[in-house]
Amino acid sequence: MDTHMNKSLRVTDPDFAFIAASAAAEVDDLIHGRGAMVDNVTRLSQIIGTSVTHGSGQEAAVKTLMDPISSDVFSRAFAASYKYPVSSLDDLAAKASQLSQDLADVNTKQEMLEVLRDFCVELSKNALATRHTLHEARVHDPYKK
């Protein structure tokens, strides 16, 4: 297995939005019977799965992807695709854990494919928009004091 594939990515990393968009395309191919290659779906599942510690209630520890920026990106993606508002970090960790499992089992989750595709699209859009916003905030204008 490629060691780069196991690299922990944050939503602000350049590759993250691309992986999420590629995963959406792979799920769309499954929906329309055009293919069964799910490399990026698997990769996204691994990234999300390693970002949260499985647990319940207060024991659900939040790790790498659940920093304030990432939690906002994930919360907006859940709200847009699942029509499910995330109310707490524990709720977000539980949803992210379930999502990781659903993505890992994508070939057996036929009834969820459209929701998974929509989530991946929203995740990609939100990650890209956040990255763009953060980049703009860091650009220094030499003419400003």
N, C-alpha and C. Protein backbone atom coordinates (compact mmCIF):
# COMPACT_ATOMS: atom_id res chain seq x y z
N MET A 1 0.84 -1.18 0.00
CA MET A 1 0.00 0.00 0.00
C MET A 1 0.88 1.24 0.00
N ASP A 2 0.54 2.21 -0.77
CA ASP A 2 1.28 3.45 -0.89
C ASP A 2 1.26 4.21 0.43
N THR A 3 2.45 4.64 0.90
CA THR A 3 2.50 5.36 2.17
C THR A 3 1.84 6.71 2.05
N HIS A 4 1.86 7.32 0.86
CA HIS A 4 1.19 8.60 0.67
C HIS A 4 -0.33 8.44 0.87
N MET A 5 -0.82 7.26 0.56
CA MET A 5 -2.26 7.01 0.70
C MET A 5 -2.69 7.06 2.16
N ASN A 6 -1.78 6.72 3.07
CA ASN A 6 -2.11 6.72 4.50
C ASN A 6 -1.84 8.07 5.16
N LYS A 7 -1.32 9.02 4.42
CA LYS A 7 -1.01 10.33 4.96
C LYS A 7 -2.27 10.98 5.50
N SER A 8 -2.15 11.52 6.68
CA SER A 8 -3.28 12.22 7.28
C SER A 8 -3.39 13.60 6.64
N LEU A 9 -4.52 13.88 6.06
CA LEU A 9 -4.74 15.17 5.41
C LEU A 9 -5.72 16.00 6.21
N ARG A 10 -5.54 17.30 6.14
CA ARG A 10 -6.48 18.23 6.73
C ARG A 10 -7.33 18.80 5.61
N VAL A 11 -8.49 19.36 5.94
CA VAL A 11 -9.35 19.89 4.89
C VAL A 11 -8.71 21.07 4.16
N THR A 12 -7.71 21.69 4.75
CA THR A 12 -7.05 22.81 4.10
C THR A 12 -5.89 22.38 3.21
N ASP A 13 -5.55 21.10 3.20
CA ASP A 13 -4.50 20.60 2.30
C ASP A 13 -5.01 20.59 0.87
N PRO A 14 -4.14 20.92 -0.08
CA PRO A 14 -4.58 20.99 -1.48
C PRO A 14 -5.19 19.70 -2.02
N ASP A 15 -4.71 18.55 -1.57
CA ASP A 15 -5.20 17.27 -2.08
C ASP A 15 -6.58 16.89 -1.55
N PHE A 16 -6.97 17.45 -0.41
CA PHE A 16 -8.21 17.01 0.23
C PHE A 16 -9.44 17.24 -0.64
N ALA A 17 -9.59 18.45 -1.17
CA ALA A 17 -10.75 18.77 -2.02
C ALA A 17 -10.75 17.89 -3.27
N PHE A 18 -9.57 17.62 -3.82
CA PHE A 18 -9.47 16.78 -5.01
C PHE A 18 -9.89 15.34 -4.70
N ILE A 19 -9.44 14.82 -3.56
CA ILE A 19 -9.81 13.45 -3.16
C ILE A 19 -11.32 13.34 -2.97
N ALA A 20 -11.92 14.34 -2.30
CA ALA A 20 -13.37 14.31 -2.08
C ALA A 20 -14.13 14.40 -3.41
N ALA A 21 -13.67 15.26 -4.33
CA ALA A 21 -14.33 15.38 -5.64
C ALA A 21 -14.16 14.09 -6.44
N SER A 22 -12.99 13.50 -6.38
CA SER A 22 -12.75 12.24 -7.09
C SER A 22 -13.61 11.12 -6.51
N ALA A 23 -13.77 11.12 -5.19
CA ALA A 23 -14.64 10.12 -4.54
C ALA A 23 -16.07 10.30 -5.01
N ALA A 24 -16.52 11.55 -5.14
CA ALA A 24 -17.87 11.82 -5.63
C ALA A 24 -18.05 11.27 -7.04
N ALA A 25 -17.05 11.46 -7.88
CA ALA A 25 -17.11 10.95 -9.26
C ALA A 25 -17.16 9.42 -9.28
N GLU A 26 -16.40 8.78 -8.40
CA GLU A 26 -16.41 7.32 -8.33
C GLU A 26 -17.77 6.79 -7.87
N VAL A 27 -18.37 7.45 -6.88
CA VAL A 27 -19.69 7.04 -6.41
C VAL A 27 -20.72 7.27 -7.51
N ASP A 28 -20.60 8.37 -8.23
CA ASP A 28 -21.51 8.63 -9.35
C ASP A 28 -21.38 7.54 -10.41
N ASP A 29 -20.16 7.09 -10.68
CA ASP A 29 -19.97 5.98 -11.62
C ASP A 29 -20.67 4.72 -11.12
N LEU A 30 -20.62 4.46 -9.82
CA LEU A 30 -21.32 3.30 -9.27
C LEU A 30 -22.83 3.43 -9.45
N ILE A 31 -23.34 4.64 -9.23
CA ILE A 31 -24.78 4.88 -9.38
C ILE A 31 -25.23 4.57 -10.79
N HIS A 32 -24.43 4.97 -11.77
CA HIS A 32 -24.80 4.83 -13.17
C HIS A 32 -24.22 3.58 -13.83
N GLY A 33 -23.62 2.70 -13.02
CA GLY A 33 -23.12 1.43 -13.53
C GLY A 33 -21.95 1.56 -14.49
N ARG A 34 -21.15 2.62 -14.33
CA ARG A 34 -20.03 2.85 -15.25
C ARG A 34 -18.70 2.34 -14.73
N GLY A 35 -18.67 1.83 -13.55
CA GLY A 35 -17.39 1.36 -13.04
C GLY A 35 -17.47 0.96 -11.60
N ALA A 36 -16.41 0.28 -11.16
CA ALA A 36 -16.39 -0.18 -9.78
C ALA A 36 -15.11 0.24 -9.07
N MET A 37 -14.32 1.12 -9.69
CA MET A 37 -13.08 1.57 -9.07
C MET A 37 -13.41 2.61 -8.01
N VAL A 38 -13.00 2.34 -6.78
CA VAL A 38 -13.34 3.24 -5.67
C VAL A 38 -12.09 3.59 -4.85
N ASP A 39 -10.98 3.82 -5.51
CA ASP A 39 -9.73 4.12 -4.81
C ASP A 39 -9.83 5.38 -3.96
N ASN A 40 -10.41 6.45 -4.52
CA ASN A 40 -10.52 7.69 -3.76
C ASN A 40 -11.60 7.63 -2.70
N VAL A 41 -12.63 6.83 -2.91
CA VAL A 41 -13.64 6.61 -1.87
C VAL A 41 -12.98 5.92 -0.68
N THR A 42 -12.17 4.92 -0.97
CA THR A 42 -11.44 4.20 0.08
C THR A 42 -10.49 5.14 0.81
N ARG A 43 -9.78 5.94 0.04
CA ARG A 43 -8.83 6.89 0.64
C ARG A 43 -9.55 7.90 1.54
N LEU A 44 -10.67 8.45 1.07
CA LEU A 44 -11.43 9.40 1.87
C LEU A 44 -11.96 8.73 3.14
N SER A 45 -12.42 7.50 3.02
CA SER A 45 -12.89 6.74 4.18
C SER A 45 -11.78 6.59 5.21
N GLN A 46 -10.57 6.28 4.74
CA GLN A 46 -9.43 6.12 5.64
C GLN A 46 -9.06 7.44 6.31
N ILE A 47 -9.07 8.52 5.54
CA ILE A 47 -8.73 9.84 6.09
C ILE A 47 -9.73 10.21 7.18
N ILE A 48 -11.01 10.05 6.90
CA ILE A 48 -12.03 10.39 7.88
C ILE A 48 -11.97 9.44 9.06
N GLY A 49 -11.80 8.15 8.79
CA GLY A 49 -11.75 7.15 9.85
C GLY A 49 -10.61 7.35 10.82
N THR A 50 -9.46 7.79 10.33
CA THR A 50 -8.33 8.02 11.23
C THR A 50 -8.41 9.38 11.92
N SER A 51 -9.39 10.18 11.54
CA SER A 51 -9.50 11.53 12.12
C SER A 51 -10.35 11.57 13.37
N VAL A 52 -11.11 10.54 13.63
CA VAL A 52 -11.95 10.51 14.83
C VAL A 52 -11.70 9.21 15.58
N THR A 53 -11.78 9.28 16.88
CA THR A 53 -11.69 8.09 17.72
C THR A 53 -13.11 7.62 17.95
N HIS A 54 -13.33 6.34 17.71
CA HIS A 54 -14.66 5.80 17.90
C HIS A 54 -14.97 5.74 19.39
N GLY A 55 -16.14 6.14 19.76
CA GLY A 55 -16.57 6.12 21.15
C GLY A 55 -17.99 6.64 21.21
N SER A 56 -18.48 6.82 22.40
CA SER A 56 -19.83 7.34 22.52
C SER A 56 -19.85 8.45 23.57
N GLY A 57 -20.76 9.36 23.39
CA GLY A 57 -20.94 10.45 24.34
C GLY A 57 -19.66 11.22 24.57
N GLN A 58 -19.31 11.42 25.82
CA GLN A 58 -18.13 12.19 26.18
C GLN A 58 -16.83 11.50 25.77
N GLU A 59 -16.88 10.19 25.51
CA GLU A 59 -15.68 9.45 25.15
C GLU A 59 -15.29 9.62 23.70
N ALA A 60 -16.14 10.20 22.89
CA ALA A 60 -15.82 10.37 21.47
C ALA A 60 -14.80 11.50 21.34
N ALA A 61 -13.55 11.13 21.29
CA ALA A 61 -12.48 12.12 21.22
C ALA A 61 -12.36 12.64 19.80
N VAL A 62 -12.12 13.91 19.71
CA VAL A 62 -11.98 14.55 18.41
C VAL A 62 -10.50 14.70 18.12
N LYS A 63 -10.08 14.29 16.91
CA LYS A 63 -8.67 14.34 16.56
C LYS A 63 -8.43 15.27 15.38
N THR A 64 -7.50 14.92 14.52
CA THR A 64 -6.95 15.78 13.48
C THR A 64 -7.96 16.55 12.66
N LEU A 65 -8.91 15.88 12.00
CA LEU A 65 -9.82 16.60 11.10
C LEU A 65 -10.88 17.41 11.81
N MET A 66 -10.97 17.28 13.10
CA MET A 66 -12.04 17.97 13.81
C MET A 66 -11.57 19.26 14.48
N ASP A 67 -10.59 19.95 13.87
CA ASP A 67 -10.24 21.27 14.35
C ASP A 67 -11.38 22.22 13.98
N PRO A 68 -11.38 23.46 14.46
CA PRO A 68 -12.52 24.36 14.20
C PRO A 68 -12.84 24.56 12.71
N ILE A 69 -11.82 24.69 11.88
CA ILE A 69 -12.06 24.88 10.45
C ILE A 69 -12.66 23.63 9.84
N SER A 70 -12.07 22.49 10.17
CA SER A 70 -12.56 21.21 9.62
C SER A 70 -13.94 20.88 10.12
N SER A 71 -14.21 21.14 11.38
CA SER A 71 -15.54 20.84 11.90
C SER A 71 -16.59 21.67 11.18
N ASP A 72 -16.25 22.91 10.83
CA ASP A 72 -17.17 23.75 10.08
C ASP A 72 -17.40 23.18 8.67
N VAL A 73 -16.33 22.77 8.00
CA VAL A 73 -16.44 22.19 6.65
C VAL A 73 -17.30 20.93 6.69
N PHE A 74 -17.03 20.05 7.63
CA PHE A 74 -17.79 18.81 7.74
C PHE A 74 -19.25 19.08 8.12
N SER A 75 -19.46 20.00 9.06
CA SER A 75 -20.83 20.32 9.48
C SER A 75 -21.66 20.84 8.32
N ARG A 76 -21.07 21.74 7.51
CA ARG A 76 -21.79 22.27 6.35
C ARG A 76 -22.07 21.19 5.32
N ALA A 77 -21.13 20.27 5.14
CA ALA A 77 -21.34 19.18 4.18
C ALA A 77 -22.45 18.24 4.66
N PHE A 78 -22.48 17.94 5.96
CA PHE A 78 -23.55 17.10 6.49
C PHE A 78 -24.91 17.79 6.34
N ALA A 79 -24.95 19.08 6.66
CA ALA A 79 -26.22 19.82 6.58
C ALA A 79 -26.74 19.86 5.14
N ALA A 80 -25.87 20.04 4.18
CA ALA A 80 -26.28 20.16 2.78
C ALA A 80 -26.67 18.82 2.16
N SER A 81 -25.96 17.75 2.51
CA SER A 81 -26.21 16.47 1.83
C SER A 81 -27.16 15.57 2.59
N TYR A 82 -27.02 15.49 3.90
CA TYR A 82 -27.88 14.64 4.71
C TYR A 82 -29.10 15.38 5.23
N LYS A 83 -29.10 16.71 5.06
CA LYS A 83 -30.16 17.55 5.64
C LYS A 83 -30.20 17.34 7.15
N TYR A 84 -29.01 17.19 7.72
CA TYR A 84 -28.85 16.85 9.12
C TYR A 84 -27.95 17.89 9.79
N PRO A 85 -28.52 18.77 10.62
CA PRO A 85 -27.67 19.74 11.30
C PRO A 85 -26.87 19.07 12.42
N VAL A 86 -25.59 19.36 12.46
CA VAL A 86 -24.73 18.81 13.50
C VAL A 86 -24.78 19.77 14.69
N SER A 87 -25.07 19.22 15.87
CA SER A 87 -25.31 20.09 17.02
C SER A 87 -24.15 20.16 18.01
N SER A 88 -23.20 19.23 17.92
CA SER A 88 -22.08 19.23 18.87
C SER A 88 -20.89 18.51 18.24
N LEU A 89 -19.72 18.64 18.88
CA LEU A 89 -18.55 17.92 18.40
C LEU A 89 -18.72 16.41 18.55
N ASP A 90 -19.40 15.99 19.63
CA ASP A 90 -19.67 14.55 19.80
C ASP A 90 -20.55 14.04 18.66
N ASP A 91 -21.55 14.82 18.30
CA ASP A 91 -22.45 14.47 17.20
C ASP A 91 -21.66 14.40 15.89
N LEU A 92 -20.79 15.39 15.67
CA LEU A 92 -19.96 15.42 14.47
C LEU A 92 -19.03 14.21 14.41
N ALA A 93 -18.41 13.87 15.54
CA ALA A 93 -17.51 12.72 15.58
C ALA A 93 -18.27 11.43 15.27
N ALA A 94 -19.48 11.29 15.82
CA ALA A 94 -20.28 10.09 15.56
C ALA A 94 -20.69 10.01 14.10
N LYS A 95 -21.13 11.14 13.52
CA LYS A 95 -21.52 11.15 12.10
C LYS A 95 -20.32 10.87 11.21
N ALA A 96 -19.16 11.44 11.53
CA ALA A 96 -17.96 11.21 10.72
C ALA A 96 -17.53 9.75 10.80
N SER A 97 -17.64 9.16 11.97
CA SER A 97 -17.30 7.75 12.13
C SER A 97 -18.23 6.87 11.29
N GLN A 98 -19.54 7.16 11.34
CA GLN A 98 -20.51 6.40 10.54
C GLN A 98 -20.26 6.61 9.05
N LEU A 99 -19.96 7.83 8.67
CA LEU A 99 -19.67 8.13 7.26
C LEU A 99 -18.46 7.36 6.78
N SER A 100 -17.41 7.30 7.60
CA SER A 100 -16.22 6.54 7.23
C SER A 100 -16.57 5.08 6.96
N GLN A 101 -17.40 4.49 7.81
CA GLN A 101 -17.82 3.11 7.62
C GLN A 101 -18.67 2.96 6.35
N ASP A 102 -19.59 3.90 6.12
CA ASP A 102 -20.44 3.84 4.92
C ASP A 102 -19.59 3.94 3.66
N LEU A 103 -18.59 4.80 3.67
CA LEU A 103 -17.71 4.92 2.50
C LEU A 103 -16.89 3.65 2.30
N ALA A 104 -16.44 3.05 3.40
CA ALA A 104 -15.67 1.82 3.31
C ALA A 104 -16.51 0.68 2.72
N ASP A 105 -17.81 0.71 3.00
CA ASP A 105 -18.73 -0.33 2.52
C ASP A 105 -19.55 0.14 1.32
N VAL A 106 -19.02 1.07 0.54
CA VAL A 106 -19.78 1.72 -0.53
C VAL A 106 -20.38 0.72 -1.52
N ASN A 107 -19.71 -0.38 -1.78
CA ASN A 107 -20.23 -1.35 -2.75
C ASN A 107 -21.44 -2.11 -2.23
N THR A 108 -21.68 -2.06 -0.91
CA THR A 108 -22.86 -2.74 -0.35
C THR A 108 -23.91 -1.75 0.12
N LYS A 109 -23.71 -0.48 -0.11
CA LYS A 109 -24.62 0.57 0.37
C LYS A 109 -25.38 1.20 -0.79
N GLN A 110 -25.97 0.39 -1.65
CA GLN A 110 -26.65 0.90 -2.84
C GLN A 110 -27.71 1.95 -2.53
N GLU A 111 -28.43 1.78 -1.43
CA GLU A 111 -29.50 2.72 -1.09
C GLU A 111 -28.96 4.08 -0.65
N MET A 112 -27.68 4.16 -0.34
CA MET A 112 -27.09 5.41 0.16
C MET A 112 -26.18 6.10 -0.85
N LEU A 113 -26.03 5.55 -2.03
CA LEU A 113 -25.04 6.07 -2.97
C LEU A 113 -25.25 7.54 -3.31
N GLU A 114 -26.49 7.95 -3.54
CA GLU A 114 -26.73 9.36 -3.91
C GLU A 114 -26.37 10.30 -2.76
N VAL A 115 -26.69 9.92 -1.53
CA VAL A 115 -26.36 10.75 -0.38
C VAL A 115 -24.84 10.81 -0.19
N LEU A 116 -24.17 9.66 -0.35
CA LEU A 116 -22.71 9.64 -0.22
C LEU A 116 -22.05 10.50 -1.30
N ARG A 117 -22.57 10.41 -2.52
CA ARG A 117 -22.03 11.25 -3.60
C ARG A 117 -22.23 12.72 -3.28
N ASP A 118 -23.44 13.08 -2.87
CA ASP A 118 -23.73 14.47 -2.54
C ASP A 118 -22.85 14.97 -1.39
N PHE A 119 -22.61 14.11 -0.40
CA PHE A 119 -21.74 14.50 0.70
C PHE A 119 -20.33 14.79 0.20
N CYS A 120 -19.81 13.90 -0.64
CA CYS A 120 -18.45 14.09 -1.17
C CYS A 120 -18.35 15.38 -1.98
N VAL A 121 -19.37 15.68 -2.76
CA VAL A 121 -19.39 16.93 -3.54
C VAL A 121 -19.38 18.13 -2.58
N GLU A 122 -20.25 18.11 -1.59
CA GLU A 122 -20.32 19.22 -0.64
C GLU A 122 -19.03 19.36 0.15
N LEU A 123 -18.44 18.24 0.54
CA LEU A 123 -17.18 18.27 1.27
C LEU A 123 -16.08 18.90 0.42
N SER A 124 -16.04 18.52 -0.84
CA SER A 124 -15.04 19.09 -1.75
C SER A 124 -15.25 20.59 -1.94
N LYS A 125 -16.49 20.99 -2.20
CA LYS A 125 -16.80 22.42 -2.40
C LYS A 125 -16.45 23.24 -1.16
N ASN A 126 -16.85 22.76 0.01
CA ASN A 126 -16.60 23.49 1.24
C ASN A 126 -15.11 23.54 1.59
N ALA A 127 -14.40 22.45 1.35
CA ALA A 127 -12.96 22.43 1.62
C ALA A 127 -12.23 23.39 0.69
N LEU A 128 -12.62 23.41 -0.57
CA LEU A 128 -11.99 24.30 -1.54
C LEU A 128 -12.29 25.76 -1.22
N ALA A 129 -13.52 26.05 -0.87
CA ALA A 129 -13.89 27.43 -0.53
C ALA A 129 -13.16 27.90 0.72
N THR A 130 -13.04 27.02 1.71
CA THR A 130 -12.34 27.38 2.94
C THR A 130 -10.86 27.59 2.67
N ARG A 131 -10.27 26.71 1.88
CA ARG A 131 -8.85 26.86 1.54
C ARG A 131 -8.62 28.17 0.80
N HIS A 132 -9.50 28.50 -0.13
CA HIS A 132 -9.38 29.75 -0.90
C HIS A 132 -9.49 30.95 0.04
N THR A 133 -10.44 30.92 0.96
CA THR A 133 -10.64 32.01 1.91
C THR A 133 -9.42 32.17 2.81
N LEU A 134 -8.87 31.06 3.30
CA LEU A 134 -7.68 31.14 4.15
C LEU A 134 -6.48 31.67 3.38
N HIS A 135 -6.36 31.26 2.13
CA HIS A 135 -5.26 31.74 1.30
C HIS A 135 -5.37 33.25 1.09
N GLU A 136 -6.57 33.73 0.81
CA GLU A 136 -6.77 35.16 0.63
C GLU A 136 -6.44 35.93 1.89
N ALA A 137 -6.75 35.36 3.04
CA ALA A 137 -6.48 36.04 4.31
C ALA A 137 -4.98 36.16 4.57
N ARG A 138 -4.19 35.24 4.01
CA ARG A 138 -2.74 35.25 4.22
C ARG A 138 -2.00 36.11 3.21
N VAL A 139 -2.63 36.46 2.11
CA VAL A 139 -1.95 37.25 1.09
C VAL A 139 -1.65 38.62 1.67
N HIS A 140 -0.40 38.98 1.61
CA HIS A 140 0.02 40.26 2.16
C HIS A 140 0.14 41.29 1.04
N ASP A 141 -0.55 42.38 1.20
CA ASP A 141 -0.47 43.48 0.23
C ASP A 141 0.67 44.38 0.65
N PRO A 142 1.73 44.48 -0.20
CA PRO A 142 2.89 45.29 0.18
C PRO A 142 2.59 46.77 0.33
N TYR A 143 1.44 47.22 -0.18
CA TYR A 143 1.09 48.63 -0.12
C TYR A 143 0.24 48.98 1.09
N LYS A 144 -0.19 47.97 1.83
CA LYS A 144 -0.96 48.21 3.05
C LYS A 144 -0.02 48.28 4.24
N LYS A 145 -0.38 49.11 5.18
CA LYS A 145 0.44 49.20 6.39
C LYS A 145 -0.16 48.37 7.49
